Amino acid sequence: ARSVRARRRVPVVVHEANASAGLANRVGAMSARRVL
């Protein structure tokens, strides 16, 4: 989503289900528009 096209990125929303976030969502949350 960060680099799908040279002219724009696709925005990201992350939803974390657990009380302790996993690695994937930790990475996603760094550039997400909203973190839920």
PDB file of all heavy atoms in Angstrom:
ATOM      1  N   ALA A   1       0.821  -1.216   0.000  1.00  0.00           N
ATOM      2  CA  ALA A   1       0.000   0.000   0.000  1.00  0.00           C
ATOM      3  C   ALA A   1       0.852   1.261   0.000  1.00  0.00           C
ATOM      4  O   ALA A   1       0.422   2.315  -0.471  1.00  0.00           O
ATOM      5  CB  ALA A   1      -0.933   0.004   1.203  1.00  0.00           C
ATOM      6  N   ARG A   2       2.075   1.162   0.509  1.00  0.00           N
ATOM      7  CA  ARG A   2       2.953   2.330   0.554  1.00  0.00           C
ATOM      8  C   ARG A   2       3.486   2.707  -0.821  1.00  0.00           C
ATOM      9  O   ARG A   2       3.893   3.848  -1.049  1.00  0.00           O
ATOM     10  CB  ARG A   2       4.152   2.056   1.466  1.00  0.00           C
ATOM     11  CG  ARG A   2       3.819   1.849   2.919  1.00  0.00           C
ATOM     12  CD  ARG A   2       5.096   1.585   3.703  1.00  0.00           C
ATOM     13  NE  ARG A   2       4.834   1.319   5.104  1.00  0.00           N
ATOM     14  CZ  ARG A   2       5.780   1.055   6.000  1.00  0.00           C
ATOM     15  NH1 ARG A   2       7.047   1.031   5.612  1.00  0.00           N
ATOM     16  NH2 ARG A   2       5.475   0.821   7.251  1.00  0.00           N
ATOM     17  N   SER A   3       3.517   1.742  -1.736  1.00  0.00           N
ATOM     18  CA  SER A   3       4.208   1.998  -3.002  1.00  0.00           C
ATOM     19  C   SER A   3       3.501   1.378  -4.191  1.00  0.00           C
ATOM     20  O   SER A   3       4.144   0.941  -5.142  1.00  0.00           O
ATOM     21  CB  SER A   3       5.630   1.436  -2.920  1.00  0.00           C
ATOM     22  OG  SER A   3       5.595   0.054  -2.607  1.00  0.00           O
ATOM     23  N   VAL A   4       2.167   1.330  -4.152  1.00  0.00           N
ATOM     24  CA  VAL A   4       1.465   0.688  -5.247  1.00  0.00           C
ATOM     25  C   VAL A   4       1.639   1.452  -6.550  1.00  0.00           C
ATOM     26  O   VAL A   4       1.693   0.885  -7.627  1.00  0.00           O
ATOM     27  CB  VAL A   4      -0.026   0.493  -4.898  1.00  0.00           C
ATOM     28  CG1 VAL A   4      -0.748   1.830  -4.753  1.00  0.00           C
ATOM     29  CG2 VAL A   4      -0.711  -0.362  -5.949  1.00  0.00           C
ATOM     30  N   ARG A   5       1.728   2.770  -6.452  1.00  0.00           N
ATOM     31  CA  ARG A   5       1.934   3.587  -7.641  1.00  0.00           C
ATOM     32  C   ARG A   5       2.878   4.727  -7.307  1.00  0.00           C
ATOM     33  O   ARG A   5       2.921   5.200  -6.168  1.00  0.00           O
ATOM     34  CB  ARG A   5       0.608   4.169  -8.140  1.00  0.00           C
ATOM     35  CG  ARG A   5      -0.336   3.116  -8.701  1.00  0.00           C
ATOM     36  CD  ARG A   5      -1.632   3.760  -9.119  1.00  0.00           C
ATOM     37  NE  ARG A   5      -2.580   2.758  -9.578  1.00  0.00           N
ATOM     38  CZ  ARG A   5      -3.857   3.012  -9.794  1.00  0.00           C
ATOM     39  NH1 ARG A   5      -4.328   4.223  -9.599  1.00  0.00           N
ATOM     40  NH2 ARG A   5      -4.669   2.063 -10.211  1.00  0.00           N
ATOM     41  N   ALA A   6       3.611   5.168  -8.284  1.00  0.00           N
ATOM     42  CA  ALA A   6       4.558   6.253  -8.050  1.00  0.00           C
ATOM     43  C   ALA A   6       3.834   7.528  -7.639  1.00  0.00           C
ATOM     44  O   ALA A   6       4.354   8.316  -6.860  1.00  0.00           O
ATOM     45  CB  ALA A   6       5.393   6.493  -9.306  1.00  0.00           C
ATOM     46  N   ARG A   7       2.625   7.737  -8.152  1.00  0.00           N
ATOM     47  CA  ARG A   7       1.962   9.019  -7.911  1.00  0.00           C
ATOM     48  C   ARG A   7       1.105   9.050  -6.661  1.00  0.00           C
ATOM     49  O   ARG A   7       0.643  10.100  -6.244  1.00  0.00           O
ATOM     50  CB  ARG A   7       1.096   9.407  -9.115  1.00  0.00           C
ATOM     51  CG  ARG A   7      -0.070   8.479  -9.382  1.00  0.00           C
ATOM     52  CD  ARG A   7      -0.732   8.811 -10.712  1.00  0.00           C
ATOM     53  NE  ARG A   7      -1.839   7.931 -11.020  1.00  0.00           N
ATOM     54  CZ  ARG A   7      -3.087   8.168 -10.677  1.00  0.00           C
ATOM     55  NH1 ARG A   7      -3.385   9.254 -10.001  1.00  0.00           N
ATOM     56  NH2 ARG A   7      -4.040   7.327 -11.007  1.00  0.00           N
ATOM     57  N   ARG A   8       0.840   7.883  -6.050  1.00  0.00           N
ATOM     58  CA  ARG A   8       0.046   7.905  -4.827  1.00  0.00           C
ATOM     59  C   ARG A   8       0.223   6.627  -4.032  1.00  0.00           C
ATOM     60  O   ARG A   8       0.560   5.583  -4.567  1.00  0.00           O
ATOM     61  CB  ARG A   8      -1.442   8.087  -5.132  1.00  0.00           C
ATOM     62  CG  ARG A   8      -2.123   6.860  -5.741  1.00  0.00           C
ATOM     63  CD  ARG A   8      -3.620   7.100  -5.844  1.00  0.00           C
ATOM     64  NE  ARG A   8      -4.318   5.995  -6.482  1.00  0.00           N
ATOM     65  CZ  ARG A   8      -4.892   5.006  -5.823  1.00  0.00           C
ATOM     66  NH1 ARG A   8      -4.829   4.961  -4.499  1.00  0.00           N
ATOM     67  NH2 ARG A   8      -5.529   4.045  -6.473  1.00  0.00           N
ATOM     68  N   ARG A   9       0.000   6.747  -2.736  1.00  0.00           N
ATOM     69  CA  ARG A   9      -0.069   5.584  -1.870  1.00  0.00           C
ATOM     70  C   ARG A   9      -1.530   5.266  -1.595  1.00  0.00           C
ATOM     71  O   ARG A   9      -2.392   6.146  -1.682  1.00  0.00           O
ATOM     72  CB  ARG A   9       0.637   5.852  -0.542  1.00  0.00           C
ATOM     73  CG  ARG A   9       2.147   6.033  -0.651  1.00  0.00           C
ATOM     74  CD  ARG A   9       2.733   6.267   0.732  1.00  0.00           C
ATOM     75  NE  ARG A   9       4.190   6.319   0.693  1.00  0.00           N
ATOM     76  CZ  ARG A   9       4.949   6.414   1.783  1.00  0.00           C
ATOM     77  NH1 ARG A   9       4.392   6.494   2.978  1.00  0.00           N
ATOM     78  NH2 ARG A   9       6.263   6.449   1.675  1.00  0.00           N
ATOM     79  N   VAL A  10      -1.793   4.033  -1.243  1.00  0.00           N
ATOM     80  CA  VAL A  10      -3.139   3.645  -0.834  1.00  0.00           C
ATOM     81  C   VAL A  10      -3.208   3.756   0.683  1.00  0.00           C
ATOM     82  O   VAL A  10      -2.365   3.181   1.384  1.00  0.00           O
ATOM     83  CB  VAL A  10      -3.455   2.200  -1.280  1.00  0.00           C
ATOM     84  CG1 VAL A  10      -4.825   1.773  -0.776  1.00  0.00           C
ATOM     85  CG2 VAL A  10      -3.382   2.089  -2.793  1.00  0.00           C
ATOM     86  N   PRO A  11      -4.156   4.504   1.216  1.00  0.00           N
ATOM     87  CA  PRO A  11      -4.219   4.654   2.675  1.00  0.00           C
ATOM     88  C   PRO A  11      -4.553   3.334   3.357  1.00  0.00           C
ATOM     89  O   PRO A  11      -5.203   2.459   2.785  1.00  0.00           O
ATOM     90  CB  PRO A  11      -5.342   5.680   2.873  1.00  0.00           C
ATOM     91  CG  PRO A  11      -6.179   5.582   1.642  1.00  0.00           C
ATOM     92  CD  PRO A  11      -5.219   5.250   0.533  1.00  0.00           C
ATOM     93  N   VAL A  12      -4.101   3.224   4.599  1.00  0.00           N
ATOM     94  CA  VAL A  12      -4.267   1.994   5.373  1.00  0.00           C
ATOM     95  C   VAL A  12      -5.011   2.283   6.675  1.00  0.00           C
ATOM     96  O   VAL A  12      -4.760   3.292   7.335  1.00  0.00           O
ATOM     97  CB  VAL A  12      -2.891   1.368   5.699  1.00  0.00           C
ATOM     98  CG1 VAL A  12      -3.012   0.271   6.759  1.00  0.00           C
ATOM     99  CG2 VAL A  12      -2.252   0.813   4.432  1.00  0.00           C
ATOM    100  N   VAL A  13      -5.925   1.394   7.025  1.00  0.00           N
ATOM    101  CA  VAL A  13      -6.545   1.364   8.352  1.00  0.00           C
ATOM    102  C   VAL A  13      -6.206   0.013   8.965  1.00  0.00           C
ATOM    103  O   VAL A  13      -6.356  -1.022   8.319  1.00  0.00           O
ATOM    104  CB  VAL A  13      -8.076   1.555   8.283  1.00  0.00           C
ATOM    105  CG1 VAL A  13      -8.719   1.263   9.640  1.00  0.00           C
ATOM    106  CG2 VAL A  13      -8.417   2.968   7.838  1.00  0.00           C
ATOM    107  N   VAL A  14      -5.732   0.023  10.201  1.00  0.00           N
ATOM    108  CA  VAL A  14      -5.358  -1.204  10.902  1.00  0.00           C
ATOM    109  C   VAL A  14      -6.365  -1.484  12.007  1.00  0.00           C
ATOM    110  O   VAL A  14      -6.747  -0.567  12.752  1.00  0.00           O
ATOM    111  CB  VAL A  14      -3.943  -1.078  11.517  1.00  0.00           C
ATOM    112  CG1 VAL A  14      -3.645  -2.249  12.449  1.00  0.00           C
ATOM    113  CG2 VAL A  14      -2.892  -0.995  10.411  1.00  0.00           C
ATOM    114  N   HIS A  15      -6.793  -2.742  12.110  1.00  0.00           N
ATOM    115  CA  HIS A  15      -7.588  -3.165  13.275  1.00  0.00           C
ATOM    116  C   HIS A  15      -6.830  -4.267  14.004  1.00  0.00           C
ATOM    117  O   HIS A  15      -6.487  -5.292  13.418  1.00  0.00           O
ATOM    118  CB  HIS A  15      -8.973  -3.677  12.876  1.00  0.00           C
ATOM    119  CG  HIS A  15      -9.800  -4.052  14.081  1.00  0.00           C
ATOM    120  ND1 HIS A  15      -9.703  -5.288  14.691  1.00  0.00           N
ATOM    121  CD2 HIS A  15     -10.701  -3.341  14.810  1.00  0.00           C
ATOM    122  CE1 HIS A  15     -10.522  -5.319  15.739  1.00  0.00           C
ATOM    123  NE2 HIS A  15     -11.128  -4.156  15.832  1.00  0.00           N
ATOM    124  N   GLU A  16      -6.584  -4.047  15.287  1.00  0.00           N
ATOM    125  CA  GLU A  16      -5.893  -5.034  16.125  1.00  0.00           C
ATOM    126  C   GLU A  16      -6.907  -5.714  17.048  1.00  0.00           C
ATOM    127  O   GLU A  16      -7.596  -5.051  17.828  1.00  0.00           O
ATOM    128  CB  GLU A  16      -4.803  -4.361  16.960  1.00  0.00           C
ATOM    129  CG  GLU A  16      -4.099  -5.276  17.942  1.00  0.00           C
ATOM    130  CD  GLU A  16      -3.532  -6.524  17.283  1.00  0.00           C
ATOM    131  OE1 GLU A  16      -2.780  -6.391  16.286  1.00  0.00           O
ATOM    132  OE2 GLU A  16      -3.840  -7.631  17.761  1.00  0.00           O
ATOM    133  N   ALA A  17      -6.988  -7.034  16.943  1.00  0.00           N
ATOM    134  CA  ALA A  17      -7.975  -7.798  17.709  1.00  0.00           C
ATOM    135  C   ALA A  17      -7.499  -8.141  19.105  1.00  0.00           C
ATOM    136  O   ALA A  17      -8.307  -8.262  20.030  1.00  0.00           O
ATOM    137  CB  ALA A  17      -8.326  -9.080  16.958  1.00  0.00           C
ATOM    138  N   ASN A  18      -6.203  -8.325  19.266  1.00  0.00           N
ATOM    139  CA  ASN A  18      -5.677  -8.852  20.521  1.00  0.00           C
ATOM    140  C   ASN A  18      -5.156  -7.763  21.450  1.00  0.00           C
ATOM    141  O   ASN A  18      -4.918  -6.628  21.043  1.00  0.00           O
ATOM    142  CB  ASN A  18      -4.556  -9.855  20.225  1.00  0.00           C
ATOM    143  CG  ASN A  18      -5.073 -11.099  19.545  1.00  0.00           C
ATOM    144  OD1 ASN A  18      -5.934 -11.803  20.074  1.00  0.00           O
ATOM    145  ND2 ASN A  18      -4.564 -11.372  18.346  1.00  0.00           N
ATOM    146  N   ALA A  19      -4.959  -8.164  22.699  1.00  0.00           N
ATOM    147  CA  ALA A  19      -4.464  -7.220  23.696  1.00  0.00           C
ATOM    148  C   ALA A  19      -2.985  -6.920  23.517  1.00  0.00           C
ATOM    149  O   ALA A  19      -2.464  -5.966  24.097  1.00  0.00           O
ATOM    150  CB  ALA A  19      -4.729  -7.765  25.099  1.00  0.00           C
ATOM    151  N   SER A  20      -2.309  -7.733  22.711  1.00  0.00           N
ATOM    152  CA  SER A  20      -0.895  -7.508  22.415  1.00  0.00           C
ATOM    153  C   SER A  20      -0.694  -7.644  20.912  1.00  0.00           C
ATOM    154  O   SER A  20      -0.799  -8.732  20.364  1.00  0.00           O
ATOM    155  CB  SER A  20      -0.025  -8.530  23.163  1.00  0.00           C
ATOM    156  OG  SER A  20       1.340  -8.344  22.877  1.00  0.00           O
ATOM    157  N   ALA A  21      -0.426  -6.537  20.250  1.00  0.00           N
ATOM    158  CA  ALA A  21      -0.365  -6.518  18.785  1.00  0.00           C
ATOM    159  C   ALA A  21       0.798  -7.350  18.265  1.00  0.00           C
ATOM    160  O   ALA A  21       1.879  -7.385  18.850  1.00  0.00           O
ATOM    161  CB  ALA A  21      -0.231  -5.088  18.283  1.00  0.00           C
ATOM    162  N   GLY A  22       0.572  -8.017  17.131  1.00  0.00           N
ATOM    163  CA  GLY A  22       1.612  -8.787  16.476  1.00  0.00           C
ATOM    164  C   GLY A  22       2.486  -7.911  15.600  1.00  0.00           C
ATOM    165  O   GLY A  22       2.226  -6.710  15.416  1.00  0.00           O
ATOM    166  N   LEU A  23       3.516  -8.523  15.025  1.00  0.00           N
ATOM    167  CA  LEU A  23       4.499  -7.767  14.242  1.00  0.00           C
ATOM    168  C   LEU A  23       3.870  -7.093  13.031  1.00  0.00           C
ATOM    169  O   LEU A  23       4.162  -5.928  12.728  1.00  0.00           O
ATOM    170  CB  LEU A  23       5.622  -8.704  13.800  1.00  0.00           C
ATOM    171  CG  LEU A  23       6.686  -8.086  12.888  1.00  0.00           C
ATOM    172  CD1 LEU A  23       7.384  -6.926  13.576  1.00  0.00           C
ATOM    173  CD2 LEU A  23       7.710  -9.136  12.465  1.00  0.00           C
ATOM    174  N   ALA A  24       3.011  -7.802  12.306  1.00  0.00           N
ATOM    175  CA  ALA A  24       2.428  -7.233  11.087  1.00  0.00           C
ATOM    176  C   ALA A  24       1.684  -5.943  11.389  1.00  0.00           C
ATOM    177  O   ALA A  24       1.867  -4.920  10.713  1.00  0.00           O
ATOM    178  CB  ALA A  24       1.502  -8.248  10.426  1.00  0.00           C
ATOM    179  N   ASN A  25       0.830  -5.961  12.402  1.00  0.00           N
ATOM    180  CA  ASN A  25       0.071  -4.755  12.720  1.00  0.00           C
ATOM    181  C   ASN A  25       0.940  -3.653  13.323  1.00  0.00           C
ATOM    182  O   ASN A  25       0.640  -2.461  13.189  1.00  0.00           O
ATOM    183  CB  ASN A  25      -1.095  -5.090  13.652  1.00  0.00           C
ATOM    184  CG  ASN A  25      -2.310  -5.561  12.884  1.00  0.00           C
ATOM    185  OD1 ASN A  25      -2.317  -5.587  11.658  1.00  0.00           O
ATOM    186  ND2 ASN A  25      -3.352  -5.947  13.606  1.00  0.00           N
ATOM    187  N   ARG A  26       2.018  -4.043  13.972  1.00  0.00           N
ATOM    188  CA  ARG A  26       2.941  -3.012  14.461  1.00  0.00           C
ATOM    189  C   ARG A  26       3.580  -2.268  13.284  1.00  0.00           C
ATOM    190  O   ARG A  26       3.745  -1.043  13.325  1.00  0.00           O
ATOM    191  CB  ARG A  26       4.022  -3.640  15.341  1.00  0.00           C
ATOM    192  CG  ARG A  26       3.511  -4.122  16.686  1.00  0.00           C
ATOM    193  CD  ARG A  26       4.627  -4.749  17.534  1.00  0.00           C
ATOM    194  NE  ARG A  26       4.112  -5.304  18.759  1.00  0.00           N
ATOM    195  CZ  ARG A  26       3.911  -4.615  19.891  1.00  0.00           C
ATOM    196  NH1 ARG A  26       4.214  -3.334  19.918  1.00  0.00           N
ATOM    197  NH2 ARG A  26       3.433  -5.196  20.956  1.00  0.00           N
ATOM    198  N   VAL A  27       3.918  -3.017  12.243  1.00  0.00           N
ATOM    199  CA  VAL A  27       4.474  -2.387  11.039  1.00  0.00           C
ATOM    200  C   VAL A  27       3.414  -1.533  10.359  1.00  0.00           C
ATOM    201  O   VAL A  27       3.656  -0.379   9.978  1.00  0.00           O
ATOM    202  CB  VAL A  27       5.021  -3.456  10.075  1.00  0.00           C
ATOM    203  CG1 VAL A  27       5.406  -2.832   8.729  1.00  0.00           C
ATOM    204  CG2 VAL A  27       6.215  -4.170  10.689  1.00  0.00           C
ATOM    205  N   GLY A  28       2.211  -2.087  10.191  1.00  0.00           N
ATOM    206  CA  GLY A  28       1.148  -1.356   9.520  1.00  0.00           C
ATOM    207  C   GLY A  28       0.752  -0.087  10.234  1.00  0.00           C
ATOM    208  O   GLY A  28       0.466   0.945   9.602  1.00  0.00           O
ATOM    209  N   ALA A  29       0.756  -0.119  11.562  1.00  0.00           N
ATOM    210  CA  ALA A  29       0.329   1.043  12.344  1.00  0.00           C
ATOM    211  C   ALA A  29       1.262   2.233  12.186  1.00  0.00           C
ATOM    212  O   ALA A  29       0.858   3.378  12.393  1.00  0.00           O
ATOM    213  CB  ALA A  29       0.220   0.655  13.815  1.00  0.00           C
ATOM    214  N   MET A  30       2.513   1.981  11.799  1.00  0.00           N
ATOM    215  CA  MET A  30       3.489   3.065  11.678  1.00  0.00           C
ATOM    216  C   MET A  30       3.087   4.078  10.605  1.00  0.00           C
ATOM    217  O   MET A  30       3.401   5.263  10.716  1.00  0.00           O
ATOM    218  CB  MET A  30       4.869   2.488  11.373  1.00  0.00           C
ATOM    219  CG  MET A  30       5.447   1.660  12.513  1.00  0.00           C
ATOM    220  SD  MET A  30       6.971   0.774  12.053  1.00  0.00           S
ATOM    221  CE  MET A  30       8.067   2.150  11.708  1.00  0.00           C
ATOM    222  N   SER A  31       2.388   3.625   9.563  1.00  0.00           N
ATOM    223  CA  SER A  31       2.016   4.540   8.482  1.00  0.00           C
ATOM    224  C   SER A  31       0.507   4.577   8.238  1.00  0.00           C
ATOM    225  O   SER A  31       0.054   5.164   7.254  1.00  0.00           O
ATOM    226  CB  SER A  31       2.726   4.132   7.188  1.00  0.00           C
ATOM    227  OG  SER A  31       2.406   2.797   6.838  1.00  0.00           O
ATOM    228  N   ALA A  32      -0.274   3.963   9.123  1.00  0.00           N
ATOM    229  CA  ALA A  32      -1.726   3.904   8.927  1.00  0.00           C
ATOM    230  C   ALA A  32      -2.381   5.257   9.172  1.00  0.00           C
ATOM    231  O   ALA A  32      -1.928   6.044  10.017  1.00  0.00           O
ATOM    232  CB  ALA A  32      -2.333   2.860   9.857  1.00  0.00           C
ATOM    233  N   ARG A  33      -3.462   5.511   8.426  1.00  0.00           N
ATOM    234  CA  ARG A  33      -4.242   6.730   8.664  1.00  0.00           C
ATOM    235  C   ARG A  33      -4.989   6.641   9.997  1.00  0.00           C
ATOM    236  O   ARG A  33      -5.122   7.647  10.706  1.00  0.00           O
ATOM    237  CB  ARG A  33      -5.254   6.936   7.532  1.00  0.00           C
ATOM    238  CG  ARG A  33      -4.652   7.205   6.169  1.00  0.00           C
ATOM    239  CD  ARG A  33      -4.108   8.609   6.043  1.00  0.00           C
ATOM    240  NE  ARG A  33      -3.618   8.868   4.701  1.00  0.00           N
ATOM    241  CZ  ARG A  33      -4.326   9.443   3.736  1.00  0.00           C
ATOM    242  NH1 ARG A  33      -5.582   9.827   3.968  1.00  0.00           N
ATOM    243  NH2 ARG A  33      -3.798   9.641   2.546  1.00  0.00           N
ATOM    244  N   ARG A  34      -5.522   5.468  10.303  1.00  0.00           N
ATOM    245  CA  ARG A  34      -6.227   5.249  11.574  1.00  0.00           C
ATOM    246  C   ARG A  34      -5.844   3.873  12.107  1.00  0.00           C
ATOM    247  O   ARG A  34      -5.687   2.928  11.332  1.00  0.00           O
ATOM    248  CB  ARG A  34      -7.744   5.332  11.387  1.00  0.00           C
ATOM    249  CG  ARG A  34      -8.260   6.644  10.839  1.00  0.00           C
ATOM    250  CD  ARG A  34      -8.426   7.702  11.911  1.00  0.00           C
ATOM    251  NE  ARG A  34      -9.542   7.440  12.803  1.00  0.00           N
ATOM    252  CZ  ARG A  34     -10.814   7.805  12.547  1.00  0.00           C
ATOM    253  NH1 ARG A  34     -11.111   8.408  11.400  1.00  0.00           N
ATOM    254  NH2 ARG A  34     -11.770   7.565  13.418  1.00  0.00           N
ATOM    255  N   VAL A  35      -5.719   3.771  13.425  1.00  0.00           N
ATOM    256  CA  VAL A  35      -5.437   2.504  14.091  1.00  0.00           C
ATOM    257  C   VAL A  35      -6.575   2.227  15.067  1.00  0.00           C
ATOM    258  O   VAL A  35      -6.831   3.028  15.972  1.00  0.00           O
ATOM    259  CB  VAL A  35      -4.089   2.542  14.842  1.00  0.00           C
ATOM    260  CG1 VAL A  35      -3.837   1.209  15.548  1.00  0.00           C
ATOM    261  CG2 VAL A  35      -2.953   2.857  13.875  1.00  0.00           C
ATOM    262  N   LEU A  36      -7.247   1.106  14.868  1.00  0.00           N
ATOM    263  CA  LEU A  36      -8.395   0.725  15.685  1.00  0.00           C
ATOM    264  C   LEU A  36      -8.049  -0.539  16.466  1.00  0.00           C
ATOM    265  O   LEU A  36      -7.213  -1.337  16.033  1.00  0.00           O
ATOM    266  CB  LEU A  36      -9.617   0.473  14.801  1.00  0.00           C
ATOM    267  CG  LEU A  36      -9.903   1.542  13.738  1.00  0.00           C
ATOM    268  CD1 LEU A  36     -11.090   1.130  12.875  1.00  0.00           C
ATOM    269  CD2 LEU A  36     -10.168   2.895  14.393  1.00  0.00           C
TER     270      LEU A  36
END
